[in-house]
Structures are given as structure tokens and as C-alpha cells.
Amino acid sequence: MAVTRLKRKDRRNKTFAKQEVKHLKLATNLELGSRSKQSAKDQLAKNNAVLAKLTAQA
């Protein structure tokens, strides 16, 4: 049986689903005491630092 190509809509949905999963994995908040520590170089940590700085100024 031949492999059929996905239609354009299905290909788009597949890529968006992949991106959403990737985004959700990156955006998960790490709890204190969890086995995986959040890196200071992580984009989420940088964003939080900038937000904290802005709220302190306001």
C-alpha cells in the first residue's frame, strides 16, 4: 500500500501541533525542589527578569 501525502490543511495542522507542544514544553513552570533546575540562560528566566524589572519601576 502506498504512502499518501497529507493534504495542505493536514500538513499545516501537523506543524502547528508540533510547535504548540514545543511551546508548552518551554513554557512549563518549574516548581521549587523539582529535579530539573531552570537555567539562568533560559529565555523564560530572562523574560521573567525583564518583567520583574519593569514592574519594580512602575
C-alpha atoms as a PDB file:
ATOM      1  CA  MET A   1       0.000   0.000   0.000  1.00  0.00           C
ATOM      2  CA  ALA A   2       1.417   3.367  -0.972  1.00  0.00           C
ATOM      3  CA  VAL A   3       2.007   6.191   1.487  1.00  0.00           C
ATOM      4  CA  THR A   4      -0.347   9.063   0.770  1.00  0.00           C
ATOM      5  CA  ARG A   5       0.708  12.670   1.141  1.00  0.00           C
ATOM      6  CA  LEU A   6      -1.145  14.765   3.632  1.00  0.00           C
ATOM      7  CA  LYS A   7      -3.329  17.498   2.241  1.00  0.00           C
ATOM      8  CA  ARG A   8      -2.182  21.057   2.806  1.00  0.00           C
ATOM      9  CA  LYS A   9      -4.595  21.644   5.706  1.00  0.00           C
ATOM     10  CA  ASP A  10      -3.445  18.482   7.475  1.00  0.00           C
ATOM     11  CA  ARG A  11       0.228  19.303   6.945  1.00  0.00           C
ATOM     12  CA  ARG A  12      -0.394  22.748   8.439  1.00  0.00           C
ATOM     13  CA  ASN A  13      -2.214  21.271  11.426  1.00  0.00           C
ATOM     14  CA  LYS A  14       0.633  18.822  11.982  1.00  0.00           C
ATOM     15  CA  THR A  15       3.267  21.552  12.035  1.00  0.00           C
ATOM     16  CA  PHE A  16       1.180  23.802  14.278  1.00  0.00           C
ATOM     17  CA  ALA A  17       0.598  20.914  16.675  1.00  0.00           C
ATOM     18  CA  LYS A  18       4.359  20.287  16.830  1.00  0.00           C
ATOM     19  CA  GLN A  19       5.032  23.957  17.513  1.00  0.00           C
ATOM     20  CA  GLU A  20       2.367  24.065  20.216  1.00  0.00           C
ATOM     21  CA  VAL A  21       3.853  21.061  22.000  1.00  0.00           C
ATOM     22  CA  LYS A  22       7.307  22.646  21.799  1.00  0.00           C
ATOM     23  CA  HIS A  23       5.927  25.923  23.167  1.00  0.00           C
ATOM     24  CA  LEU A  24       4.160  24.170  26.034  1.00  0.00           C
ATOM     25  CA  LYS A  25       7.324  22.276  26.956  1.00  0.00           C
ATOM     26  CA  LEU A  26       9.309  25.521  27.037  1.00  0.00           C
ATOM     27  CA  ALA A  27       6.656  27.418  28.980  1.00  0.00           C
ATOM     28  CA  THR A  28       6.176  24.967  31.825  1.00  0.00           C
ATOM     29  CA  ASN A  29       6.872  26.490  35.206  1.00  0.00           C
ATOM     30  CA  LEU A  30       9.347  24.500  37.230  1.00  0.00           C
ATOM     31  CA  GLU A  31       8.338  24.017  40.836  1.00  0.00           C
ATOM     32  CA  LEU A  32      10.735  24.592  43.678  1.00  0.00           C
ATOM     33  CA  GLY A  33      12.531  21.419  44.607  1.00  0.00           C
ATOM     34  CA  SER A  34      11.953  19.826  41.234  1.00  0.00           C
ATOM     35  CA  ARG A  35      14.710  17.608  39.884  1.00  0.00           C
ATOM     36  CA  SER A  36      15.333  19.812  36.863  1.00  0.00           C
ATOM     37  CA  LYS A  37      16.516  23.303  37.759  1.00  0.00           C
ATOM     38  CA  GLN A  38      15.702  26.191  35.465  1.00  0.00           C
ATOM     39  CA  SER A  39      18.773  27.577  33.769  1.00  0.00           C
ATOM     40  CA  ALA A  40      19.575  31.285  34.156  1.00  0.00           C
ATOM     41  CA  LYS A  41      20.277  31.371  30.399  1.00  0.00           C
ATOM     42  CA  ASP A  42      16.765  30.069  29.673  1.00  0.00           C
ATOM     43  CA  GLN A  43      14.620  32.521  27.702  1.00  0.00           C
ATOM     44  CA  LEU A  44      11.794  32.167  30.230  1.00  0.00           C
ATOM     45  CA  ALA A  45      14.134  33.220  33.054  1.00  0.00           C
ATOM     46  CA  LYS A  46      15.314  36.214  31.026  1.00  0.00           C
ATOM     47  CA  ASN A  47      11.704  37.228  30.315  1.00  0.00           C
ATOM     48  CA  ASN A  48      10.786  36.936  34.000  1.00  0.00           C
ATOM     49  CA  ALA A  49      13.769  39.087  34.977  1.00  0.00           C
ATOM     50  CA  VAL A  50      12.759  41.806  32.500  1.00  0.00           C
ATOM     51  CA  LEU A  51       9.145  41.713  33.704  1.00  0.00           C
ATOM     52  CA  ALA A  52      10.247  41.936  37.335  1.00  0.00           C
ATOM     53  CA  LYS A  53      12.447  44.923  36.488  1.00  0.00           C
ATOM     54  CA  LEU A  54       9.596  46.695  34.679  1.00  0.00           C
ATOM     55  CA  THR A  55       7.124  46.112  37.496  1.00  0.00           C
ATOM     56  CA  ALA A  56       9.658  47.414  40.025  1.00  0.00           C
ATOM     57  CA  GLN A  57       9.998  50.651  38.036  1.00  0.00           C
ATOM     58  CA  ALA A  58       6.245  51.181  37.735  1.00  0.00           C
END
